[in-house]
Amino acid sequence: MNKFEKIYLPLFGAIITVLLNIIMFIQTFITKANYDVFSNFFVIIVVLILYRVNYYAVKIGMERRVRLEYYGILFLCTFSLMRLINRLTLIPFYINAISFIFAFGFGTFALMIAIIRLRKH
């Protein structure tokens, strides 16, 4: 992986994710819709933590140990974009169902990897 893929791609993904969630937060107050705004803050906090872990791992040369965090940043970026599109217009049910299954599977996989890493230490 080159420097762009190691540092800048996760940085752009984190920035886009934060901006998308801020837009969804502002859109909730403008339209006075009944959406949950705490999920937006949760996604922002998670993506910032993931980027920080990824950045320090790349800085000390252990980027192979944080592949899950790297892909987590990119996944949260695409998932936030899909949430924003779904708030503005309706996405067909099948696309929503497939994305939910993918998100649930990735989240379960990430949780299992985190538990395995905790048990090793």
PDB file of N, CA and C in Angstrom:
ATOM      1  N   MET A   1       0.841  -1.186   0.000  1.00  0.00           N
ATOM      2  CA  MET A   1       0.000   0.000   0.000  1.00  0.00           C
ATOM      3  C   MET A   1       0.883   1.245   0.000  1.00  0.00           C
ATOM      4  N   ASN A   2       0.497   2.226  -0.765  1.00  0.00           N
ATOM      5  CA  ASN A   2       1.255   3.465  -0.781  1.00  0.00           C
ATOM      6  C   ASN A   2       0.740   4.414   0.301  1.00  0.00           C
ATOM      7  N   LYS A   3       1.371   5.580   0.382  1.00  0.00           N
ATOM      8  CA  LYS A   3       1.026   6.532   1.443  1.00  0.00           C
ATOM      9  C   LYS A   3      -0.416   7.023   1.328  1.00  0.00           C
ATOM     10  N   PHE A   4      -0.910   7.174   0.106  1.00  0.00           N
ATOM     11  CA  PHE A   4      -2.290   7.622  -0.073  1.00  0.00           C
ATOM     12  C   PHE A   4      -3.270   6.629   0.529  1.00  0.00           C
ATOM     13  N   GLU A   5      -3.066   5.346   0.257  1.00  0.00           N
ATOM     14  CA  GLU A   5      -3.978   4.325   0.779  1.00  0.00           C
ATOM     15  C   GLU A   5      -3.838   4.152   2.281  1.00  0.00           C
ATOM     16  N   LYS A   6      -2.662   4.394   2.819  1.00  0.00           N
ATOM     17  CA  LYS A   6      -2.443   4.184   4.250  1.00  0.00           C
ATOM     18  C   LYS A   6      -3.013   5.305   5.102  1.00  0.00           C
ATOM     19  N   ILE A   7      -2.760   6.547   4.696  1.00  0.00           N
ATOM     20  CA  ILE A   7      -3.114   7.683   5.549  1.00  0.00           C
ATOM     21  C   ILE A   7      -4.253   8.511   4.971  1.00  0.00           C
ATOM     22  N   TYR A   8      -4.150   8.899   3.708  1.00  0.00           N
ATOM     23  CA  TYR A   8      -5.082   9.890   3.180  1.00  0.00           C
ATOM     24  C   TYR A   8      -6.456   9.322   2.832  1.00  0.00           C
ATOM     25  N   LEU A   9      -6.530   8.102   2.353  1.00  0.00           N
ATOM     26  CA  LEU A   9      -7.842   7.526   2.043  1.00  0.00           C
ATOM     27  C   LEU A   9      -8.699   7.368   3.300  1.00  0.00           C
ATOM     28  N   PRO A  10      -8.156   6.833   4.412  1.00  0.00           N
ATOM     29  CA  PRO A  10      -8.969   6.814   5.641  1.00  0.00           C
ATOM     30  C   PRO A  10      -9.289   8.212   6.158  1.00  0.00           C
ATOM     31  N   LEU A  11      -8.380   9.173   5.954  1.00  0.00           N
ATOM     32  CA  LEU A  11      -8.645  10.549   6.379  1.00  0.00           C
ATOM     33  C   LEU A  11      -9.811  11.138   5.593  1.00  0.00           C
ATOM     34  N   PHE A  12      -9.801  10.966   4.275  1.00  0.00           N
ATOM     35  CA  PHE A  12     -10.911  11.459   3.458  1.00  0.00           C
ATOM     36  C   PHE A  12     -12.212  10.754   3.827  1.00  0.00           C
ATOM     37  N   GLY A  13     -12.133   9.453   4.069  1.00  0.00           N
ATOM     38  CA  GLY A  13     -13.324   8.713   4.486  1.00  0.00           C
ATOM     39  C   GLY A  13     -13.866   9.213   5.811  1.00  0.00           C
ATOM     40  N   ALA A  14     -12.971   9.499   6.763  1.00  0.00           N
ATOM     41  CA  ALA A  14     -13.402  10.001   8.071  1.00  0.00           C
ATOM     42  C   ALA A  14     -14.016  11.393   7.941  1.00  0.00           C
ATOM     43  N   ILE A  15     -13.402  12.256   7.136  1.00  0.00           N
ATOM     44  CA  ILE A  15     -13.930  13.613   6.951  1.00  0.00           C
ATOM     45  C   ILE A  15     -15.309  13.562   6.287  1.00  0.00           C
ATOM     46  N   ILE A  16     -15.445  12.746   5.255  1.00  0.00           N
ATOM     47  CA  ILE A  16     -16.734  12.636   4.570  1.00  0.00           C
ATOM     48  C   ILE A  16     -17.799  12.073   5.505  1.00  0.00           C
ATOM     49  N   THR A  17     -17.426  11.081   6.322  1.00  0.00           N
ATOM     50  CA  THR A  17     -18.380  10.499   7.266  1.00  0.00           C
ATOM     51  C   THR A  17     -18.843  11.524   8.281  1.00  0.00           C
ATOM     52  N   VAL A  18     -17.909  12.297   8.816  1.00  0.00           N
ATOM     53  CA  VAL A  18     -18.274  13.328   9.794  1.00  0.00           C
ATOM     54  C   VAL A  18     -19.178  14.371   9.150  1.00  0.00           C
ATOM     55  N   LEU A  19     -18.842  14.812   7.945  1.00  0.00           N
ATOM     56  CA  LEU A  19     -19.667  15.815   7.264  1.00  0.00           C
ATOM     57  C   LEU A  19     -21.067  15.283   6.943  1.00  0.00           C
ATOM     58  N   LEU A  20     -21.151  14.042   6.485  1.00  0.00           N
ATOM     59  CA  LEU A  20     -22.466  13.466   6.182  1.00  0.00           C
ATOM     60  C   LEU A  20     -23.331  13.374   7.432  1.00  0.00           C
ATOM     61  N   ASN A  21     -22.735  12.998   8.556  1.00  0.00           N
ATOM     62  CA  ASN A  21     -23.518  12.880   9.785  1.00  0.00           C
ATOM     63  C   ASN A  21     -23.898  14.248  10.340  1.00  0.00           C
ATOM     64  N   ILE A  22     -23.069  15.250  10.140  1.00  0.00           N
ATOM     65  CA  ILE A  22     -23.441  16.609  10.543  1.00  0.00           C
ATOM     66  C   ILE A  22     -24.592  17.114   9.667  1.00  0.00           C
ATOM     67  N   ILE A  23     -24.534  16.809   8.367  1.00  0.00           N
ATOM     68  CA  ILE A  23     -25.629  17.194   7.475  1.00  0.00           C
ATOM     69  C   ILE A  23     -26.929  16.516   7.902  1.00  0.00           C
ATOM     70  N   MET A  24     -26.860  15.230   8.259  1.00  0.00           N
ATOM     71  CA  MET A  24     -28.073  14.533   8.717  1.00  0.00           C
ATOM     72  C   MET A  24     -28.582  15.121  10.026  1.00  0.00           C
ATOM     73  N   PHE A  25     -27.670  15.526  10.897  1.00  0.00           N
ATOM     74  CA  PHE A  25     -28.055  16.142  12.168  1.00  0.00           C
ATOM     75  C   PHE A  25     -28.767  17.470  11.923  1.00  0.00           C
ATOM     76  N   ILE A  26     -28.211  18.297  11.042  1.00  0.00           N
ATOM     77  CA  ILE A  26     -28.823  19.588  10.720  1.00  0.00           C
ATOM     78  C   ILE A  26     -30.156  19.387  10.000  1.00  0.00           C
ATOM     79  N   GLN A  27     -30.217  18.416   9.098  1.00  0.00           N
ATOM     80  CA  GLN A  27     -31.448  18.139   8.359  1.00  0.00           C
ATOM     81  C   GLN A  27     -32.569  17.708   9.295  1.00  0.00           C
ATOM     82  N   THR A  28     -32.225  17.026  10.375  1.00  0.00           N
ATOM     83  CA  THR A  28     -33.232  16.598  11.347  1.00  0.00           C
ATOM     84  C   THR A  28     -33.883  17.799  12.015  1.00  0.00           C
ATOM     85  N   PHE A  29     -33.082  18.814  12.348  1.00  0.00           N
ATOM     86  CA  PHE A  29     -33.643  19.993  13.003  1.00  0.00           C
ATOM     87  C   PHE A  29     -34.358  20.924  12.037  1.00  0.00           C
ATOM     88  N   ILE A  30     -33.906  20.991  10.799  1.00  0.00           N
ATOM     89  CA  ILE A  30     -34.565  21.861   9.827  1.00  0.00           C
ATOM     90  C   ILE A  30     -35.954  21.333   9.481  1.00  0.00           C
ATOM     91  N   THR A  31     -36.061  20.037   9.238  1.00  0.00           N
ATOM     92  CA  THR A  31     -37.349  19.464   8.853  1.00  0.00           C
ATOM     93  C   THR A  31     -38.195  19.053  10.050  1.00  0.00           C
ATOM     94  N   LYS A  32     -37.618  19.148  11.237  1.00  0.00           N
ATOM     95  CA  LYS A  32     -38.299  18.734  12.475  1.00  0.00           C
ATOM     96  C   LYS A  32     -38.800  17.296  12.364  1.00  0.00           C
ATOM     97  N   ALA A  33     -37.980  16.474  11.739  1.00  0.00           N
ATOM     98  CA  ALA A  33     -38.325  15.059  11.587  1.00  0.00           C
ATOM     99  C   ALA A  33     -38.043  14.321  12.889  1.00  0.00           C
ATOM    100  N   ASN A  34     -38.567  13.148  12.986  1.00  0.00           N
ATOM    101  CA  ASN A  34     -38.440  12.361  14.201  1.00  0.00           C
ATOM    102  C   ASN A  34     -37.334  11.315  14.042  1.00  0.00           C
ATOM    103  N   TYR A  35     -36.144  11.748  13.641  1.00  0.00           N
ATOM    104  CA  TYR A  35     -35.014  10.841  13.495  1.00  0.00           C
ATOM    105  C   TYR A  35     -34.183  10.863  14.762  1.00  0.00           C
ATOM    106  N   ASP A  36     -33.460   9.788  14.968  1.00  0.00           N
ATOM    107  CA  ASP A  36     -32.582   9.694  16.124  1.00  0.00           C
ATOM    108  C   ASP A  36     -31.262  10.399  15.801  1.00  0.00           C
ATOM    109  N   VAL A  37     -30.923  11.437  16.547  1.00  0.00           N
ATOM    110  CA  VAL A  37     -29.700  12.186  16.277  1.00  0.00           C
ATOM    111  C   VAL A  37     -28.503  11.613  17.019  1.00  0.00           C
ATOM    112  N   PHE A  38     -28.740  10.795  18.035  1.00  0.00           N
ATOM    113  CA  PHE A  38     -27.618  10.249  18.795  1.00  0.00           C
ATOM    114  C   PHE A  38     -26.833   9.229  17.980  1.00  0.00           C
ATOM    115  N   SER A  39     -27.471   8.594  17.031  1.00  0.00           N
ATOM    116  CA  SER A  39     -26.741   7.658  16.172  1.00  0.00           C
ATOM    117  C   SER A  39     -25.721   8.406  15.319  1.00  0.00           C
ATOM    118  N   ASN A  40     -26.048   9.644  14.935  1.00  0.00           N
ATOM    119  CA  ASN A  40     -25.089  10.444  14.170  1.00  0.00           C
ATOM    120  C   ASN A  40     -23.859  10.766  15.011  1.00  0.00           C
ATOM    121  N   PHE A  41     -24.079  11.150  16.262  1.00  0.00           N
ATOM    122  CA  PHE A  41     -22.942  11.423  17.144  1.00  0.00           C
ATOM    123  C   PHE A  41     -22.131  10.160  17.402  1.00  0.00           C
ATOM    124  N   PHE A  42     -22.807   9.041  17.549  1.00  0.00           N
ATOM    125  CA  PHE A  42     -22.118   7.775  17.784  1.00  0.00           C
ATOM    126  C   PHE A  42     -21.229   7.413  16.598  1.00  0.00           C
ATOM    127  N   VAL A  43     -21.736   7.572  15.385  1.00  0.00           N
ATOM    128  CA  VAL A  43     -20.945   7.263  14.192  1.00  0.00           C
ATOM    129  C   VAL A  43     -19.749   8.204  14.089  1.00  0.00           C
ATOM    130  N   ILE A  44     -19.935   9.478  14.413  1.00  0.00           N
ATOM    131  CA  ILE A  44     -18.823  10.430  14.379  1.00  0.00           C
ATOM    132  C   ILE A  44     -17.743  10.019  15.369  1.00  0.00           C
ATOM    133  N   ILE A  45     -18.125   9.669  16.578  1.00  0.00           N
ATOM    134  CA  ILE A  45     -17.148   9.266  17.595  1.00  0.00           C
ATOM    135  C   ILE A  45     -16.423   7.995  17.173  1.00  0.00           C
ATOM    136  N   VAL A  46     -17.167   7.019  16.667  1.00  0.00           N
ATOM    137  CA  VAL A  46     -16.549   5.757  16.254  1.00  0.00           C
ATOM    138  C   VAL A  46     -15.564   5.973  15.117  1.00  0.00           C
ATOM    139  N   VAL A  47     -15.930   6.767  14.122  1.00  0.00           N
ATOM    140  CA  VAL A  47     -15.036   6.956  12.979  1.00  0.00           C
ATOM    141  C   VAL A  47     -13.788   7.745  13.389  1.00  0.00           C
ATOM    142  N   LEU A  48     -13.909   8.677  14.321  1.00  0.00           N
ATOM    143  CA  LEU A  48     -12.723   9.398  14.780  1.00  0.00           C
ATOM    144  C   LEU A  48     -11.786   8.486  15.566  1.00  0.00           C
ATOM    145  N   ILE A  49     -12.343   7.604  16.374  1.00  0.00           N
ATOM    146  CA  ILE A  49     -11.508   6.646  17.106  1.00  0.00           C
ATOM    147  C   ILE A  49     -10.830   5.681  16.136  1.00  0.00           C
ATOM    148  N   LEU A  50     -11.581   5.194  15.161  1.00  0.00           N
ATOM    149  CA  LEU A  50     -10.996   4.280  14.179  1.00  0.00           C
ATOM    150  C   LEU A  50      -9.878   4.956  13.393  1.00  0.00           C
ATOM    151  N   TYR A  51     -10.075   6.214  13.021  1.00  0.00           N
ATOM    152  CA  TYR A  51      -9.018   6.902  12.276  1.00  0.00           C
ATOM    153  C   TYR A  51      -7.785   7.111  13.138  1.00  0.00           C
ATOM    154  N   ARG A  52      -7.989   7.446  14.385  1.00  0.00           N
ATOM    155  CA  ARG A  52      -6.834   7.656  15.269  1.00  0.00           C
ATOM    156  C   ARG A  52      -6.030   6.367  15.441  1.00  0.00           C
ATOM    157  N   VAL A  53      -6.716   5.257  15.632  1.00  0.00           N
ATOM    158  CA  VAL A  53      -6.030   3.965  15.748  1.00  0.00           C
ATOM    159  C   VAL A  53      -5.292   3.647  14.455  1.00  0.00           C
ATOM    160  N   ASN A  54      -5.931   3.869  13.325  1.00  0.00           N
ATOM    161  CA  ASN A  54      -5.310   3.600  12.035  1.00  0.00           C
ATOM    162  C   ASN A  54      -4.094   4.498  11.808  1.00  0.00           C
ATOM    163  N   TYR A  55      -4.198   5.762  12.152  1.00  0.00           N
ATOM    164  CA  TYR A  55      -3.097   6.699  11.937  1.00  0.00           C
ATOM    165  C   TYR A  55      -1.871   6.318  12.765  1.00  0.00           C
ATOM    166  N   TYR A  56      -2.075   6.008  14.034  1.00  0.00           N
ATOM    167  CA  TYR A  56      -0.931   5.658  14.878  1.00  0.00           C
ATOM    168  C   TYR A  56      -0.323   4.321  14.475  1.00  0.00           C
ATOM    169  N   ALA A  57      -1.135   3.396  14.007  1.00  0.00           N
ATOM    170  CA  ALA A  57      -0.590   2.120  13.545  1.00  0.00           C
ATOM    171  C   ALA A  57       0.259   2.311  12.291  1.00  0.00           C
ATOM    172  N   VAL A  58      -0.179   3.160  11.392  1.00  0.00           N
ATOM    173  CA  VAL A  58       0.605   3.448  10.191  1.00  0.00           C
ATOM    174  C   VAL A  58       1.880   4.191  10.568  1.00  0.00           C
ATOM    175  N   LYS A  59       1.786   5.065  11.546  1.00  0.00           N
ATOM    176  CA  LYS A  59       2.939   5.849  11.973  1.00  0.00           C
ATOM    177  C   LYS A  59       4.052   4.963  12.536  1.00  0.00           C
ATOM    178  N   ILE A  60       3.679   3.904  13.259  1.00  0.00           N
ATOM    179  CA  ILE A  60       4.707   3.026  13.825  1.00  0.00           C
ATOM    180  C   ILE A  60       4.965   1.799  12.956  1.00  0.00           C
ATOM    181  N   GLY A  61       4.307   1.705  11.818  1.00  0.00           N
ATOM    182  CA  GLY A  61       4.589   0.647  10.860  1.00  0.00           C
ATOM    183  C   GLY A  61       3.870  -0.664  11.108  1.00  0.00           C
ATOM    184  N   MET A  62       2.735  -0.634  11.770  1.00  0.00           N
ATOM    185  CA  MET A  62       1.980  -1.862  12.043  1.00  0.00           C
ATOM    186  C   MET A  62       0.610  -1.813  11.371  1.00  0.00           C
ATOM    187  N   GLU A  63       0.582  -1.371  10.120  1.00  0.00           N
ATOM    188  CA  GLU A  63      -0.705  -1.200   9.449  1.00  0.00           C
ATOM    189  C   GLU A  63      -1.394  -2.526   9.137  1.00  0.00           C
ATOM    190  N   ARG A  64      -0.671  -3.629   9.141  1.00  0.00           N
ATOM    191  CA  ARG A  64      -1.307  -4.920   8.885  1.00  0.00           C
ATOM    192  C   ARG A  64      -2.190  -5.350  10.050  1.00  0.00           C
ATOM    193  N   ARG A  65      -1.967  -4.802  11.229  1.00  0.00           N
ATOM    194  CA  ARG A  65      -2.761  -5.174  12.402  1.00  0.00           C
ATOM    195  C   ARG A  65      -4.071  -4.404  12.494  1.00  0.00           C
ATOM    196  N   VAL A  66      -4.231  -3.371  11.695  1.00  0.00           N
ATOM    197  CA  VAL A  66      -5.443  -2.541  11.784  1.00  0.00           C
ATOM    198  C   VAL A  66      -6.235  -2.540  10.477  1.00  0.00           C
ATOM    199  N   ARG A  67      -6.198  -3.627   9.759  1.00  0.00           N
ATOM    200  CA  ARG A  67      -6.987  -3.718   8.523  1.00  0.00           C
ATOM    201  C   ARG A  67      -8.478  -3.579   8.807  1.00  0.00           C
ATOM    202  N   LEU A  68      -8.920  -4.148   9.915  1.00  0.00           N
ATOM    203  CA  LEU A  68     -10.340  -4.073  10.265  1.00  0.00           C
ATOM    204  C   LEU A  68     -10.763  -2.627  10.498  1.00  0.00           C
ATOM    205  N   GLU A  69      -9.930  -1.854  11.175  1.00  0.00           N
ATOM    206  CA  GLU A  69     -10.237  -0.447  11.409  1.00  0.00           C
ATOM    207  C   GLU A  69     -10.230   0.340  10.098  1.00  0.00           C
ATOM    208  N   TYR A  70      -9.296   0.011   9.228  1.00  0.00           N
ATOM    209  CA  TYR A  70      -9.198   0.668   7.922  1.00  0.00           C
ATOM    210  C   TYR A  70     -10.482   0.453   7.116  1.00  0.00           C
ATOM    211  N   TYR A  71     -10.908  -0.791   7.029  1.00  0.00           N
ATOM    212  CA  TYR A  71     -12.132  -1.084   6.284  1.00  0.00           C
ATOM    213  C   TYR A  71     -13.372  -0.592   7.025  1.00  0.00           C
ATOM    214  N   GLY A  72     -13.297  -0.498   8.333  1.00  0.00           N
ATOM    215  CA  GLY A  72     -14.408   0.047   9.110  1.00  0.00           C
ATOM    216  C   GLY A  72     -14.667   1.510   8.782  1.00  0.00           C
ATOM    217  N   ILE A  73     -13.592   2.272   8.601  1.00  0.00           N
ATOM    218  CA  ILE A  73     -13.734   3.686   8.227  1.00  0.00           C
ATOM    219  C   ILE A  73     -14.415   3.804   6.861  1.00  0.00           C
ATOM    220  N   LEU A  74     -13.950   3.018   5.909  1.00  0.00           N
ATOM    221  CA  LEU A  74     -14.538   3.073   4.568  1.00  0.00           C
ATOM    222  C   LEU A  74     -15.987   2.591   4.575  1.00  0.00           C
ATOM    223  N   PHE A  75     -16.274   1.577   5.393  1.00  0.00           N
ATOM    224  CA  PHE A  75     -17.638   1.064   5.493  1.00  0.00           C
ATOM    225  C   PHE A  75     -18.565   2.108   6.110  1.00  0.00           C
ATOM    226  N   LEU A  76     -18.131   2.771   7.181  1.00  0.00           N
ATOM    227  CA  LEU A  76     -18.970   3.793   7.809  1.00  0.00           C
ATOM    228  C   LEU A  76     -19.221   4.963   6.864  1.00  0.00           C
ATOM    229  N   CYS A  77     -18.249   5.263   6.020  1.00  0.00           N
ATOM    230  CA  CYS A  77     -18.438   6.337   5.035  1.00  0.00           C
ATOM    231  C   CYS A  77     -19.541   5.965   4.047  1.00  0.00           C
ATOM    232  N   THR A  78     -19.482   4.776   3.490  1.00  0.00           N
ATOM    233  CA  THR A  78     -20.511   4.378   2.525  1.00  0.00           C
ATOM    234  C   THR A  78     -21.866   4.193   3.199  1.00  0.00           C
ATOM    235  N   PHE A  79     -21.869   3.686   4.423  1.00  0.00           N
ATOM    236  CA  PHE A  79     -23.129   3.488   5.135  1.00  0.00           C
ATOM    237  C   PHE A  79     -23.770   4.830   5.501  1.00  0.00           C
ATOM    238  N   SER A  80     -22.956   5.827   5.864  1.00  0.00           N
ATOM    239  CA  SER A  80     -23.498   7.155   6.161  1.00  0.00           C
ATOM    240  C   SER A  80     -24.068   7.807   4.907  1.00  0.00           C
ATOM    241  N   LEU A  81     -23.392   7.621   3.788  1.00  0.00           N
ATOM    242  CA  LEU A  81     -23.910   8.151   2.524  1.00  0.00           C
ATOM    243  C   LEU A  81     -25.252   7.509   2.180  1.00  0.00           C
ATOM    244  N   MET A  82     -25.362   6.219   2.409  1.00  0.00           N
ATOM    245  CA  MET A  82     -26.622   5.541   2.129  1.00  0.00           C
ATOM    246  C   MET A  82     -27.726   5.992   3.078  1.00  0.00           C
ATOM    247  N   ARG A  83     -27.401   6.239   4.338  1.00  0.00           N
ATOM    248  CA  ARG A  83     -28.393   6.745   5.290  1.00  0.00           C
ATOM    249  C   ARG A  83     -28.893   8.123   4.872  1.00  0.00           C
ATOM    250  N   LEU A  84     -27.973   8.982   4.403  1.00  0.00           N
ATOM    251  CA  LEU A  84     -28.379  10.317   3.962  1.00  0.00           C
ATOM    252  C   LEU A  84     -29.283  10.232   2.736  1.00  0.00           C
ATOM    253  N   ILE A  85     -28.917   9.402   1.777  1.00  0.00           N
ATOM    254  CA  ILE A  85     -29.756   9.242   0.587  1.00  0.00           C
ATOM    255  C   ILE A  85     -31.117   8.690   0.970  1.00  0.00           C
ATOM    256  N   ASN A  86     -31.147   7.770   1.922  1.00  0.00           N
ATOM    257  CA  ASN A  86     -32.410   7.178   2.347  1.00  0.00           C
ATOM    258  C   ASN A  86     -33.285   8.193   3.079  1.00  0.00           C
ATOM    259  N   ARG A  87     -32.688   9.170   3.725  1.00  0.00           N
ATOM    260  CA  ARG A  87     -33.488  10.215   4.372  1.00  0.00           C
ATOM    261  C   ARG A  87     -34.065  11.192   3.366  1.00  0.00           C
ATOM    262  N   LEU A  88     -33.335  11.444   2.292  1.00  0.00           N
ATOM    263  CA  LEU A  88     -33.805  12.405   1.300  1.00  0.00           C
ATOM    264  C   LEU A  88     -34.815  11.784   0.342  1.00  0.00           C
ATOM    265  N   THR A  89     -34.539  10.587  -0.129  1.00  0.00           N
ATOM    266  CA  THR A  89     -35.470   9.852  -0.986  1.00  0.00           C
ATOM    267  C   THR A  89     -35.525   8.413  -0.499  1.00  0.00           C
ATOM    268  N   LEU A  90     -36.522   7.692  -0.955  1.00  0.00           N
ATOM    269  CA  LEU A  90     -36.638   6.301  -0.541  1.00  0.00           C
ATOM    270  C   LEU A  90     -35.821   5.402  -1.460  1.00  0.00           C
ATOM    271  N   ILE A  91     -35.005   4.578  -0.843  1.00  0.00           N
ATOM    272  CA  ILE A  91     -34.249   3.569  -1.574  1.00  0.00           C
ATOM    273  C   ILE A  91     -35.104   2.305  -1.597  1.00  0.00           C
ATOM    274  N   PRO A  92     -35.081   1.552  -2.674  1.00  0.00           N
ATOM    275  CA  PRO A  92     -35.883   0.323  -2.724  1.00  0.00           C
ATOM    276  C   PRO A  92     -35.572  -0.632  -1.562  1.00  0.00           C
ATOM    277  N   PHE A  93     -36.571  -1.413  -1.205  1.00  0.00           N
ATOM    278  CA  PHE A  93     -36.479  -2.315  -0.060  1.00  0.00           C
ATOM    279  C   PHE A  93     -35.320  -3.295  -0.200  1.00  0.00           C
ATOM    280  N   TYR A  94     -35.104  -3.822  -1.385  1.00  0.00           N
ATOM    281  CA  TYR A  94     -34.071  -4.835  -1.570  1.00  0.00           C
ATOM    282  C   TYR A  94     -32.678  -4.269  -1.312  1.00  0.00           C
ATOM    283  N   ILE A  95     -32.440  -3.056  -1.737  1.00  0.00           N
ATOM    284  CA  ILE A  95     -31.141  -2.438  -1.482  1.00  0.00           C
ATOM    285  C   ILE A  95     -30.962  -2.193   0.009  1.00  0.00           C
ATOM    286  N   ASN A  96     -32.014  -1.729   0.673  1.00  0.00           N
ATOM    287  CA  ASN A  96     -31.942  -1.540   2.122  1.00  0.00           C
ATOM    288  C   ASN A  96     -31.717  -2.857   2.848  1.00  0.00           C
ATOM    289  N   ALA A  97     -32.396  -3.907   2.426  1.00  0.00           N
ATOM    290  CA  ALA A  97     -32.249  -5.209   3.084  1.00  0.00           C
ATOM    291  C   ALA A  97     -30.849  -5.771   2.889  1.00  0.00           C
ATOM    292  N   ILE A  98     -30.325  -5.656   1.685  1.00  0.00           N
ATOM    293  CA  ILE A  98     -28.974  -6.154   1.422  1.00  0.00           C
ATOM    294  C   ILE A  98     -27.948  -5.363   2.223  1.00  0.00           C
ATOM    295  N   SER A  99     -28.113  -4.050   2.288  1.00  0.00           N
ATOM    296  CA  SER A  99     -27.160  -3.245   3.058  1.00  0.00           C
ATOM    297  C   SER A  99     -27.265  -3.543   4.546  1.00  0.00           C
ATOM    298  N   PHE A 100     -28.478  -3.809   5.037  1.00  0.00           N
ATOM    299  CA  PHE A 100     -28.633  -4.164   6.443  1.00  0.00           C
ATOM    300  C   PHE A 100     -27.950  -5.490   6.748  1.00  0.00           C
ATOM    301  N   ILE A 101     -28.130  -6.470   5.879  1.00  0.00           N
ATOM    302  CA  ILE A 101     -27.484  -7.768   6.086  1.00  0.00           C
ATOM    303  C   ILE A 101     -25.971  -7.614   6.054  1.00  0.00           C
ATOM    304  N   PHE A 102     -25.471  -6.822   5.115  1.00  0.00           N
ATOM    305  CA  PHE A 102     -24.034  -6.584   5.029  1.00  0.00           C
ATOM    306  C   PHE A 102     -23.519  -5.868   6.276  1.00  0.00           C
ATOM    307  N   ALA A 103     -24.239  -4.854   6.737  1.00  0.00           N
ATOM    308  CA  ALA A 103     -23.822  -4.110   7.929  1.00  0.00           C
ATOM    309  C   ALA A 103     -23.863  -4.992   9.165  1.00  0.00           C
ATOM    310  N   PHE A 104     -24.905  -5.794   9.292  1.00  0.00           N
ATOM    311  CA  PHE A 104     -25.015  -6.690  10.441  1.00  0.00           C
ATOM    312  C   PHE A 104     -23.895  -7.728  10.425  1.00  0.00           C
ATOM    313  N   GLY A 105     -23.611  -8.266   9.252  1.00  0.00           N
ATOM    314  CA  GLY A 105     -22.526  -9.243   9.131  1.00  0.00           C
ATOM    315  C   GLY A 105     -21.171  -8.637   9.433  1.00  0.00           C
ATOM    316  N   PHE A 106     -20.908  -7.444   8.897  1.00  0.00           N
ATOM    317  CA  PHE A 106     -19.633  -6.789   9.160  1.00  0.00           C
ATOM    318  C   PHE A 106     -19.501  -6.425  10.633  1.00  0.00           C
ATOM    319  N   GLY A 107     -20.577  -5.935  11.234  1.00  0.00           N
ATOM    320  CA  GLY A 107     -20.530  -5.589  12.655  1.00  0.00           C
ATOM    321  C   GLY A 107     -20.290  -6.797  13.531  1.00  0.00           C
ATOM    322  N   THR A 108     -20.940  -7.915  13.211  1.00  0.00           N
ATOM    323  CA  THR A 108     -20.729  -9.145  13.967  1.00  0.00           C
ATOM    324  C   THR A 108     -19.299  -9.641  13.804  1.00  0.00           C
ATOM    325  N   PHE A 109     -18.787  -9.584  12.580  1.00  0.00           N
ATOM    326  CA  PHE A 109     -17.410  -9.994  12.323  1.00  0.00           C
ATOM    327  C   PHE A 109     -16.426  -9.110  13.082  1.00  0.00           C
ATOM    328  N   ALA A 110     -16.647  -7.800  13.062  1.00  0.00           N
ATOM    329  CA  ALA A 110     -15.756  -6.880  13.770  1.00  0.00           C
ATOM    330  C   ALA A 110     -15.801  -7.116  15.273  1.00  0.00           C
ATOM    331  N   LEU A 111     -16.982  -7.385  15.798  1.00  0.00           N
ATOM    332  CA  LEU A 111     -17.113  -7.669  17.226  1.00  0.00           C
ATOM    333  C   LEU A 111     -16.388  -8.957  17.601  1.00  0.00           C
ATOM    334  N   MET A 112     -16.500  -9.981  16.767  1.00  0.00           N
ATOM    335  CA  MET A 112     -15.796 -11.234  17.043  1.00  0.00           C
ATOM    336  C   MET A 112     -14.288 -11.039  17.005  1.00  0.00           C
ATOM    337  N   ILE A 113     -13.788 -10.279  16.050  1.00  0.00           N
ATOM    338  CA  ILE A 113     -12.352 -10.010  15.966  1.00  0.00           C
ATOM    339  C   ILE A 113     -11.887  -9.234  17.195  1.00  0.00           C
ATOM    340  N   ALA A 114     -12.676  -8.266  17.635  1.00  0.00           N
ATOM    341  CA  ALA A 114     -12.304  -7.490  18.824  1.00  0.00           C
ATOM    342  C   ALA A 114     -12.257  -8.373  20.066  1.00  0.00           C
ATOM    343  N   ILE A 115     -13.209  -9.286  20.203  1.00  0.00           N
ATOM    344  CA  ILE A 115     -13.210 -10.189  21.360  1.00  0.00           C
ATOM    345  C   ILE A 115     -12.008 -11.125  21.302  1.00  0.00           C
ATOM    346  N   ILE A 116     -11.681 -11.625  20.121  1.00  0.00           N
ATOM    347  CA  ILE A 116     -10.512 -12.498  19.980  1.00  0.00           C
ATOM    348  C   ILE A 116      -9.241 -11.741  20.331  1.00  0.00           C
ATOM    349  N   ARG A 117      -9.122 -10.500  19.888  1.00  0.00           N
ATOM    350  CA  ARG A 117      -7.934  -9.699  20.218  1.00  0.00           C
ATOM    351  C   ARG A 117      -7.841  -9.428  21.709  1.00  0.00           C
ATOM    352  N   LEU A 118      -8.969  -9.179  22.357  1.00  0.00           N
ATOM    353  CA  LEU A 118      -8.954  -8.943  23.802  1.00  0.00           C
ATOM    354  C   LEU A 118      -8.573 -10.203  24.571  1.00  0.00           C
ATOM    355  N   ARG A 119      -9.009 -11.343  24.111  1.00  0.00           N
ATOM    356  CA  ARG A 119      -8.696 -12.592  24.808  1.00  0.00           C
ATOM    357  C   ARG A 119      -7.234 -12.969  24.651  1.00  0.00           C
ATOM    358  N   LYS A 120      -6.603 -12.560  23.547  1.00  0.00           N
ATOM    359  CA  LYS A 120      -5.181 -12.859  23.346  1.00  0.00           C
ATOM    360  C   LYS A 120      -4.301 -12.061  24.298  1.00  0.00           C
ATOM    361  N   HIS A 121      -4.762 -10.881  24.668  1.00  0.00           N
ATOM    362  CA  HIS A 121      -3.937 -10.035  25.543  1.00  0.00           C
ATOM    363  C   HIS A 121      -4.433 -10.207  26.915  1.00  0.00           C
TER     364      HIS A 121
END
